[in-house]
C-alpha atoms as a PDB file:
ATOM      1  CA  MET A   1       0.000   0.000   0.000  1.00  0.00           C
ATOM      2  CA  SER A   2       1.352   3.411  -0.966  1.00  0.00           C
ATOM      3  CA  GLY A   3       2.191   5.871   1.782  1.00  0.00           C
ATOM      4  CA  ARG A   4       2.296   9.625   1.893  1.00  0.00           C
ATOM      5  CA  LEU A   5       5.003  12.120   0.959  1.00  0.00           C
ATOM      6  CA  PHE A   6       4.966  15.661   2.323  1.00  0.00           C
ATOM      7  CA  VAL A   7       7.250  18.281   0.751  1.00  0.00           C
ATOM      8  CA  ILE A   8       7.657  21.235   3.086  1.00  0.00           C
ATOM      9  CA  GLY A   9       9.711  24.382   3.575  1.00  0.00           C
ATOM     10  CA  THR A  10      11.028  25.566   6.917  1.00  0.00           C
ATOM     11  CA  GLY A  11      10.804  29.218   5.892  1.00  0.00           C
ATOM     12  CA  PRO A  12      13.781  31.613   5.939  1.00  0.00           C
ATOM     13  CA  GLY A  13      15.014  30.238   9.264  1.00  0.00           C
ATOM     14  CA  ASN A  14      12.960  31.920  11.971  1.00  0.00           C
ATOM     15  CA  PRO A  15      10.865  29.129  13.576  1.00  0.00           C
ATOM     16  CA  GLU A  16       7.898  31.495  13.791  1.00  0.00           C
ATOM     17  CA  GLN A  17       7.856  31.749   9.991  1.00  0.00           C
ATOM     18  CA  MET A  18       7.183  28.047   9.493  1.00  0.00           C
ATOM     19  CA  THR A  19       3.540  27.518   8.560  1.00  0.00           C
ATOM     20  CA  PRO A  20       1.052  25.563  10.713  1.00  0.00           C
ATOM     21  CA  GLU A  21       0.490  23.225   7.740  1.00  0.00           C
ATOM     22  CA  ALA A  22       4.195  22.391   7.604  1.00  0.00           C
ATOM     23  CA  LEU A  23       4.331  21.844  11.374  1.00  0.00           C
ATOM     24  CA  ALA A  24       1.375  19.454  11.128  1.00  0.00           C
ATOM     25  CA  ALA A  25       3.174  17.533   8.381  1.00  0.00           C
ATOM     26  CA  VAL A  26       6.272  17.258  10.589  1.00  0.00           C
ATOM     27  CA  ASP A  27       4.125  15.882  13.398  1.00  0.00           C
ATOM     28  CA  ALA A  28       2.541  13.287  11.074  1.00  0.00           C
ATOM     29  CA  ALA A  29       5.692  11.991   9.348  1.00  0.00           C
ATOM     30  CA  THR A  30       7.982   9.185  10.478  1.00  0.00           C
ATOM     31  CA  ASP A  31      11.007   9.798   8.230  1.00  0.00           C
ATOM     32  CA  PHE A  32      12.651  13.032   7.114  1.00  0.00           C
ATOM     33  CA  PHE A  33      14.876  13.593   4.095  1.00  0.00           C
ATOM     34  CA  GLY A  34      16.790  16.813   3.540  1.00  0.00           C
ATOM     35  CA  TYR A  35      19.993  18.798   3.675  1.00  0.00           C
ATOM     36  CA  GLY A  36      21.402  18.482   7.193  1.00  0.00           C
ATOM     37  CA  PRO A  37      21.156  22.171   8.244  1.00  0.00           C
ATOM     38  CA  TYR A  38      17.480  22.224   7.202  1.00  0.00           C
ATOM     39  CA  LEU A  39      16.720  19.082   9.197  1.00  0.00           C
ATOM     40  CA  ASP A  40      18.457  20.689  12.173  1.00  0.00           C
ATOM     41  CA  ARG A  41      15.689  23.310  12.253  1.00  0.00           C
ATOM     42  CA  LEU A  42      13.105  20.664  13.159  1.00  0.00           C
ATOM     43  CA  GLU A  43      12.343  19.426  16.671  1.00  0.00           C
ATOM     44  CA  LEU A  44      11.856  15.730  15.996  1.00  0.00           C
ATOM     45  CA  ARG A  45      10.643  13.058  18.387  1.00  0.00           C
ATOM     46  CA  ASP A  46      12.706  10.009  19.290  1.00  0.00           C
ATOM     47  CA  ASP A  47      10.553   7.861  17.012  1.00  0.00           C
ATOM     48  CA  GLN A  48      11.175  10.089  13.976  1.00  0.00           C
ATOM     49  CA  LEU A  49      14.204   9.345  11.783  1.00  0.00           C
ATOM     50  CA  ARG A  50      16.514  11.761   9.920  1.00  0.00           C
ATOM     51  CA  HIS A  51      18.014  10.913   6.522  1.00  0.00           C
ATOM     52  CA  ALA A  52      20.434  13.787   5.861  1.00  0.00           C
ATOM     53  CA  SER A  53      22.300  14.243   2.580  1.00  0.00           C
ATOM     54  CA  ASP A  54      24.459  16.823   0.815  1.00  0.00           C
ATOM     55  CA  ASN A  55      22.844  19.913  -0.662  1.00  0.00           C
ATOM     56  CA  ARG A  56      23.605  18.807  -4.237  1.00  0.00           C
ATOM     57  CA  GLU A  57      21.947  15.398  -3.941  1.00  0.00           C
ATOM     58  CA  GLU A  58      18.398  16.547  -4.656  1.00  0.00           C
ATOM     59  CA  LEU A  59      17.354  13.818  -7.110  1.00  0.00           C
ATOM     60  CA  GLY A  60      18.891  11.034  -5.043  1.00  0.00           C
ATOM     61  CA  ARG A  61      17.145  12.393  -1.948  1.00  0.00           C
ATOM     62  CA  ALA A  62      13.827  12.653  -3.769  1.00  0.00           C
ATOM     63  CA  GLY A  63      14.125   9.085  -5.085  1.00  0.00           C
ATOM     64  CA  ALA A  64      14.949   7.653  -1.659  1.00  0.00           C
ATOM     65  CA  ALA A  65      11.997   9.484  -0.097  1.00  0.00           C
ATOM     66  CA  LEU A  66       9.620   8.340  -2.825  1.00  0.00           C
ATOM     67  CA  ALA A  67      10.790   4.727  -2.537  1.00  0.00           C
ATOM     68  CA  MET A  68      10.114   4.755   1.194  1.00  0.00           C
ATOM     69  CA  ALA A  69       6.705   6.412   0.717  1.00  0.00           C
ATOM     70  CA  ALA A  70       5.802   3.879  -1.990  1.00  0.00           C
ATOM     71  CA  ASP A  71       6.420   1.150   0.600  1.00  0.00           C
ATOM     72  CA  GLY A  72       3.822   2.688   2.882  1.00  0.00           C
ATOM     73  CA  ALA A  73       5.751   5.111   5.104  1.00  0.00           C
ATOM     74  CA  ARG A  74       4.770   8.681   5.980  1.00  0.00           C
ATOM     75  CA  VAL A  75       7.739  10.656   4.672  1.00  0.00           C
ATOM     76  CA  CYS A  76       8.653  14.333   4.745  1.00  0.00           C
ATOM     77  CA  VAL A  77      11.088  15.998   2.332  1.00  0.00           C
ATOM     78  CA  VAL A  78      12.418  19.189   3.898  1.00  0.00           C
ATOM     79  CA  SER A  79      13.591  22.368   2.147  1.00  0.00           C
ATOM     80  CA  GLY A  80      14.434  25.803   3.405  1.00  0.00           C
ATOM     81  CA  GLY A  81      12.104  28.644   2.441  1.00  0.00           C
ATOM     82  CA  ASP A  82       9.314  27.525   0.113  1.00  0.00           C
ATOM     83  CA  PRO A  83       9.842  24.022  -1.321  1.00  0.00           C
ATOM     84  CA  GLY A  84       8.626  25.160  -4.741  1.00  0.00           C
ATOM     85  CA  VAL A  85      11.163  27.996  -5.168  1.00  0.00           C
ATOM     86  CA  PHE A  86      14.580  26.653  -6.247  1.00  0.00           C
ATOM     87  CA  ALA A  87      14.051  23.763  -3.851  1.00  0.00           C
ATOM     88  CA  MET A  88      12.918  20.165  -3.449  1.00  0.00           C
ATOM     89  CA  ALA A  89       9.390  20.193  -4.887  1.00  0.00           C
ATOM     90  CA  ALA A  90      10.709  20.330  -8.468  1.00  0.00           C
ATOM     91  CA  ALA A  91      13.196  17.528  -7.757  1.00  0.00           C
ATOM     92  CA  VAL A  92      10.422  15.334  -6.355  1.00  0.00           C
ATOM     93  CA  CYS A  93       8.234  15.987  -9.406  1.00  0.00           C
ATOM     94  CA  GLU A  94      11.171  15.212 -11.728  1.00  0.00           C
ATOM     95  CA  ALA A  95      11.853  11.974  -9.875  1.00  0.00           C
ATOM     96  CA  ILE A  96       8.193  10.945 -10.168  1.00  0.00           C
ATOM     97  CA  GLU A  97       8.197  11.677 -13.903  1.00  0.00           C
ATOM     98  CA  ASN A  98      11.273   9.541 -14.534  1.00  0.00           C
ATOM     99  CA  GLY A  99      10.843   6.919 -11.822  1.00  0.00           C
ATOM    100  CA  PRO A 100       8.876   3.671 -11.486  1.00  0.00           C
ATOM    101  CA  ALA A 101       5.101   3.608 -11.807  1.00  0.00           C
ATOM    102  CA  ALA A 102       4.710   2.996  -8.063  1.00  0.00           C
ATOM    103  CA  TRP A 103       6.001   6.496  -7.326  1.00  0.00           C
ATOM    104  CA  ARG A 104       3.087   8.032  -9.235  1.00  0.00           C
ATOM    105  CA  ALA A 105       0.682   6.348  -6.820  1.00  0.00           C
ATOM    106  CA  VAL A 106       2.227   8.023  -3.765  1.00  0.00           C
ATOM    107  CA  ASP A 107      -0.029  10.510  -2.005  1.00  0.00           C
ATOM    108  CA  LEU A 108       2.025  13.668  -2.663  1.00  0.00           C
ATOM    109  CA  ILE A 109       1.340  16.803  -0.609  1.00  0.00           C
ATOM    110  CA  ILE A 110       3.429  19.898  -1.412  1.00  0.00           C
ATOM    111  CA  LEU A 111       2.946  22.653   1.149  1.00  0.00           C
ATOM    112  CA  PRO A 112       3.796  26.317   0.463  1.00  0.00           C
ATOM    113  CA  GLY A 113       6.220  28.182   2.679  1.00  0.00           C
ATOM    114  CA  ILE A 114       7.771  31.614   3.084  1.00  0.00           C
ATOM    115  CA  THR A 115      10.665  32.038   0.685  1.00  0.00           C
ATOM    116  CA  ALA A 116      13.742  34.202   1.329  1.00  0.00           C
ATOM    117  CA  MET A 117      12.807  37.040  -1.021  1.00  0.00           C
ATOM    118  CA  LEU A 118       9.519  37.584   0.858  1.00  0.00           C
ATOM    119  CA  ALA A 119      11.301  37.747   4.202  1.00  0.00           C
ATOM    120  CA  VAL A 120      13.931  40.157   2.852  1.00  0.00           C
ATOM    121  CA  ALA A 121      11.305  42.308   1.127  1.00  0.00           C
ATOM    122  CA  ALA A 122       9.293  42.587   4.340  1.00  0.00           C
ATOM    123  CA  ARG A 123      12.369  43.720   6.258  1.00  0.00           C
ATOM    124  CA  ALA A 124      13.139  46.411   3.653  1.00  0.00           C
ATOM    125  CA  GLY A 125       9.603  47.675   3.016  1.00  0.00           C
ATOM    126  CA  ALA A 126       7.761  46.652  -0.151  1.00  0.00           C
ATOM    127  CA  PRO A 127      10.243  46.330  -3.044  1.00  0.00           C
ATOM    128  CA  LEU A 128       8.053  43.625  -4.598  1.00  0.00           C
ATOM    129  CA  GLY A 129       5.019  45.922  -4.632  1.00  0.00           C
ATOM    130  CA  HIS A 130       4.771  45.746  -8.417  1.00  0.00           C
ATOM    131  CA  ASP A 131       5.860  43.270 -11.092  1.00  0.00           C
ATOM    132  CA  PHE A 132       8.946  41.241 -10.207  1.00  0.00           C
ATOM    133  CA  CYS A 133      10.827  38.114 -11.194  1.00  0.00           C
ATOM    134  CA  THR A 134      13.188  35.675  -9.497  1.00  0.00           C
ATOM    135  CA  ILE A 135      16.457  34.440 -11.021  1.00  0.00           C
ATOM    136  CA  SER A 136      19.039  32.037  -9.656  1.00  0.00           C
ATOM    137  CA  LEU A 137      22.634  33.016 -10.418  1.00  0.00           C
ATOM    138  CA  SER A 138      23.774  29.402 -10.095  1.00  0.00           C
ATOM    139  CA  ASP A 139      24.960  27.975 -13.403  1.00  0.00           C
ATOM    140  CA  ASN A 140      24.959  24.385 -12.138  1.00  0.00           C
ATOM    141  CA  LEU A 141      21.734  23.609 -14.031  1.00  0.00           C
ATOM    142  CA  LYS A 142      21.756  26.252 -16.783  1.00  0.00           C
ATOM    143  CA  PRO A 143      24.562  28.036 -18.670  1.00  0.00           C
ATOM    144  CA  TRP A 144      25.732  31.509 -17.675  1.00  0.00           C
ATOM    145  CA  ASN A 145      24.798  33.066 -21.034  1.00  0.00           C
ATOM    146  CA  ILE A 146      21.132  32.238 -20.346  1.00  0.00           C
ATOM    147  CA  ILE A 147      21.383  33.911 -16.927  1.00  0.00           C
ATOM    148  CA  GLU A 148      22.909  37.022 -18.531  1.00  0.00           C
ATOM    149  CA  ASN A 149      20.137  37.163 -21.128  1.00  0.00           C
ATOM    150  CA  ARG A 150      17.410  36.834 -18.512  1.00  0.00           C
ATOM    151  CA  LEU A 151      18.933  39.579 -16.370  1.00  0.00           C
ATOM    152  CA  VAL A 152      19.046  41.996 -19.302  1.00  0.00           C
ATOM    153  CA  LEU A 153      15.509  41.201 -20.454  1.00  0.00           C
ATOM    154  CA  ALA A 154      14.132  41.506 -16.922  1.00  0.00           C
ATOM    155  CA  ALA A 155      15.791  44.889 -16.434  1.00  0.00           C
ATOM    156  CA  LYS A 156      14.545  46.149 -19.803  1.00  0.00           C
ATOM    157  CA  ALA A 157      11.026  44.929 -19.007  1.00  0.00           C
ATOM    158  CA  GLY A 158      10.958  46.919 -15.756  1.00  0.00           C
ATOM    159  CA  PHE A 159      10.883  43.977 -13.341  1.00  0.00           C
ATOM    160  CA  VAL A 160      12.247  44.138  -9.832  1.00  0.00           C
ATOM    161  CA  ILE A 161      14.711  41.222  -9.713  1.00  0.00           C
ATOM    162  CA  ALA A 162      15.218  38.895  -6.758  1.00  0.00           C
ATOM    163  CA  LEU A 163      18.486  36.957  -7.018  1.00  0.00           C
ATOM    164  CA  TYR A 164      18.956  33.576  -5.381  1.00  0.00           C
ATOM    165  CA  ASN A 165      22.269  31.682  -5.056  1.00  0.00           C
ATOM    166  CA  PRO A 166      24.190  34.915  -5.653  1.00  0.00           C
ATOM    167  CA  ILE A 167      27.658  33.696  -4.753  1.00  0.00           C
ATOM    168  CA  SER A 168      29.605  30.653  -3.552  1.00  0.00           C
ATOM    169  CA  ARG A 169      33.179  29.471  -3.197  1.00  0.00           C
ATOM    170  CA  ALA A 170      32.962  27.957  -6.683  1.00  0.00           C
ATOM    171  CA  ARG A 171      31.212  31.053  -8.111  1.00  0.00           C
ATOM    172  CA  PRO A 172      32.706  34.131  -6.427  1.00  0.00           C
ATOM    173  CA  TRP A 173      32.434  36.343  -9.511  1.00  0.00           C
ATOM    174  CA  GLN A 174      28.894  36.019 -10.826  1.00  0.00           C
ATOM    175  CA  LEU A 175      27.082  38.561  -8.634  1.00  0.00           C
ATOM    176  CA  GLY A 176      29.647  41.220  -9.538  1.00  0.00           C
ATOM    177  CA  GLU A 177      29.169  40.398 -13.205  1.00  0.00           C
ATOM    178  CA  ALA A 178      25.403  40.629 -12.795  1.00  0.00           C
ATOM    179  CA  PHE A 179      25.718  44.106 -11.242  1.00  0.00           C
ATOM    180  CA  LYS A 180      28.039  45.193 -14.052  1.00  0.00           C
ATOM    181  CA  LEU A 181      25.539  43.975 -16.645  1.00  0.00           C
ATOM    182  CA  LEU A 182      22.554  45.637 -14.970  1.00  0.00           C
ATOM    183  CA  ARG A 183      24.337  49.006 -14.680  1.00  0.00           C
ATOM    184  CA  ASP A 184      24.008  49.285 -18.462  1.00  0.00           C
ATOM    185  CA  HIS A 185      20.211  49.018 -18.245  1.00  0.00           C
ATOM    186  CA  LEU A 186      19.121  50.546 -14.925  1.00  0.00           C
ATOM    187  CA  PRO A 187      19.613  53.963 -13.289  1.00  0.00           C
ATOM    188  CA  ALA A 188      22.715  54.293 -11.117  1.00  0.00           C
ATOM    189  CA  THR A 189      20.486  55.113  -8.131  1.00  0.00           C
ATOM    190  CA  THR A 190      18.486  51.869  -8.354  1.00  0.00           C
ATOM    191  CA  PRO A 191      18.247  50.393  -4.818  1.00  0.00           C
ATOM    192  CA  VAL A 192      19.928  47.040  -4.199  1.00  0.00           C
ATOM    193  CA  ILE A 193      18.912  45.175  -1.043  1.00  0.00           C
ATOM    194  CA  PHE A 194      21.243  42.600   0.471  1.00  0.00           C
ATOM    195  CA  GLY A 195      19.237  40.420   2.845  1.00  0.00           C
ATOM    196  CA  ARG A 196      21.215  37.828   4.749  1.00  0.00           C
ATOM    197  CA  ALA A 197      19.505  35.357   7.098  1.00  0.00           C
ATOM    198  CA  ALA A 198      16.309  37.428   7.266  1.00  0.00           C
ATOM    199  CA  GLY A 199      14.441  36.749  10.486  1.00  0.00           C
ATOM    200  CA  ARG A 200      17.321  34.924  12.203  1.00  0.00           C
ATOM    201  CA  PRO A 201      19.541  36.211  15.021  1.00  0.00           C
ATOM    202  CA  ASP A 202      22.398  36.819  12.566  1.00  0.00           C
ATOM    203  CA  GLU A 203      20.191  38.813  10.164  1.00  0.00           C
ATOM    204  CA  ARG A 204      21.919  41.498   8.126  1.00  0.00           C
ATOM    205  CA  ILE A 205      20.038  43.894   5.832  1.00  0.00           C
ATOM    206  CA  ALA A 206      21.894  46.487   3.766  1.00  0.00           C
ATOM    207  CA  VAL A 207      20.724  48.828   1.001  1.00  0.00           C
ATOM    208  CA  GLN A 208      23.102  50.283  -1.579  1.00  0.00           C
ATOM    209  CA  GLN A 209      22.735  52.034  -4.914  1.00  0.00           C
ATOM    210  CA  LEU A 210      23.406  49.906  -7.964  1.00  0.00           C
ATOM    211  CA  SER A 211      26.302  52.127  -8.997  1.00  0.00           C
ATOM    212  CA  GLN A 212      28.114  51.235  -5.764  1.00  0.00           C
ATOM    213  CA  ALA A 213      26.669  47.795  -4.986  1.00  0.00           C
ATOM    214  CA  ASP A 214      29.398  45.651  -3.432  1.00  0.00           C
ATOM    215  CA  ALA A 215      29.037  41.981  -4.342  1.00  0.00           C
ATOM    216  CA  SER A 216      31.578  40.953  -1.704  1.00  0.00           C
ATOM    217  CA  ILE A 217      29.115  41.489   1.153  1.00  0.00           C
ATOM    218  CA  ALA A 218      26.875  38.662  -0.134  1.00  0.00           C
ATOM    219  CA  ASP A 219      27.166  34.935   0.515  1.00  0.00           C
ATOM    220  CA  MET A 220      24.985  31.885  -0.153  1.00  0.00           C
ATOM    221  CA  ALA A 221      22.713  32.850   2.757  1.00  0.00           C
ATOM    222  CA  THR A 222      21.972  36.188   1.055  1.00  0.00           C
ATOM    223  CA  CYS A 223      19.017  37.021  -1.143  1.00  0.00           C
ATOM    224  CA  VAL A 224      19.628  40.116  -3.279  1.00  0.00           C
ATOM    225  CA  ILE A 225      16.733  42.265  -4.495  1.00  0.00           C
ATOM    226  CA  ILE A 226      17.450  44.775  -7.264  1.00  0.00           C
ATOM    227  CA  GLY A 227      14.818  47.427  -7.783  1.00  0.00           C
ATOM    228  CA  SER A 228      13.373  48.652 -11.052  1.00  0.00           C
ATOM    229  CA  ALA A 229      13.619  52.209 -12.372  1.00  0.00           C
ATOM    230  CA  GLU A 230      10.403  52.889 -10.404  1.00  0.00           C
ATOM    231  CA  THR A 231      11.626  51.620  -7.016  1.00  0.00           C
ATOM    232  CA  ARG A 232      11.977  54.327  -4.388  1.00  0.00           C
ATOM    233  CA  ILE A 233      13.694  54.910  -1.054  1.00  0.00           C
ATOM    234  CA  VAL A 234      11.769  56.753   1.660  1.00  0.00           C
ATOM    235  CA  THR A 235      14.065  58.190   4.325  1.00  0.00           C
ATOM    236  CA  ARG A 236      12.825  58.092   7.923  1.00  0.00           C
ATOM    237  CA  PRO A 237      14.864  59.987  10.534  1.00  0.00           C
ATOM    238  CA  GLY A 238      15.855  57.669  13.363  1.00  0.00           C
ATOM    239  CA  ARG A 239      14.438  54.616  11.607  1.00  0.00           C
ATOM    240  CA  LEU A 240      15.390  52.316   8.774  1.00  0.00           C
ATOM    241  CA  ASP A 241      14.718  53.748   5.332  1.00  0.00           C
ATOM    242  CA  LEU A 242      11.890  52.118   3.377  1.00  0.00           C
ATOM    243  CA  VAL A 243      12.448  50.639  -0.074  1.00  0.00           C
ATOM    244  CA  TYR A 244       9.288  50.180  -2.091  1.00  0.00           C
ATOM    245  CA  THR A 245       8.059  49.852  -5.655  1.00  0.00           C
ATOM    246  CA  PRO A 246       4.809  51.803  -6.245  1.00  0.00           C
ATOM    247  CA  ARG A 247       1.691  49.913  -7.250  1.00  0.00           C
ATOM    248  CA  PHE A 248       1.339  52.279 -10.225  1.00  0.00           C
ATOM    249  CA  MET A 249       3.893  52.689 -13.007  1.00  0.00           C
ATOM    250  CA  ALA A 250       4.733  55.731 -15.101  1.00  0.00           C
ATOM    251  CA  GLY A 251       1.846  56.274 -17.490  1.00  0.00           C
ATOM    252  CA  GLY A 252      -0.456  53.975 -15.530  1.00  0.00           C
ATOM    253  CA  ASN A 253      -3.534  54.599 -13.437  1.00  0.00           C
ATOM    254  CA  ARG A 254      -3.503  54.845  -9.651  1.00  0.00           C
END
C-alpha cells in the first residue's frame, strides 16, 4: 500500500515563519529527508528518523523518499524557504516523472512556505510591490549566457529582480558580473537590497545604490533584491529607510 510524501519548507530560518500546515506535516511523518542544516531546524521526536544528505543530492534524496513512501511510510522531504522555489518540490516531481510507476501512486502533498525574497522584502519595506521576477545566479543547471540574457531582459522589461544563489566558493564572480551587466540598463540610483539570514539572530540587511553595490558582502545565505527604475527609497529619521516599488507605473492609473 502506498504511503504519503509531504514536501515542506522551513521558511527563511525563523521558527515562527514556518507555517502551521508544515508543522502538522512534521508531526505526522515518520522519516525526514533533507539537507542536514534544514533538518536541524526541526524538533523531531525520538521515534522520527533523519536521513540527511548533501545539498547537491536533490534527485537522489527525492528518489529515496519516494521509494520509502511507496512502501507505505509517511515521509517528509524538507527544504528551506518555500519548497517550490529553487528547492525540493521540483526535484520530487522530476523523480516521479522519470521513476517507477509505483512512485506516481504516492499521495504527494506539497505545502507552500515563506521564501527568502519575501522575508527580505518585508524587512526592507515593499520592493516587490509591483511586477517582479526571481532568477538564480547558479549555473549548475543552466549556462551563464542564459542567466545574462534573462537579467538583461528583466531589467529592460521593468521587473524588480530577486536573485537567489548569488555567490559561492565555486562562483565568487557572478554577482559582480550581474551588477556590471545591470548598470548598463538601470539607473545608477536603483536600490539594491542585500538580505542575509532574514528573520534569524544573525540577520543582516543592507541597502546600496546599484552604482556602488558591493558583491563581496553577499554569501549563499543572502538574497539580493534589485529594484526597477520605479523603485523608491523613503528616508525616515531615526528609523530604517523604506524601499518600495509603487503599485502604479509611469503612465499607468492609480
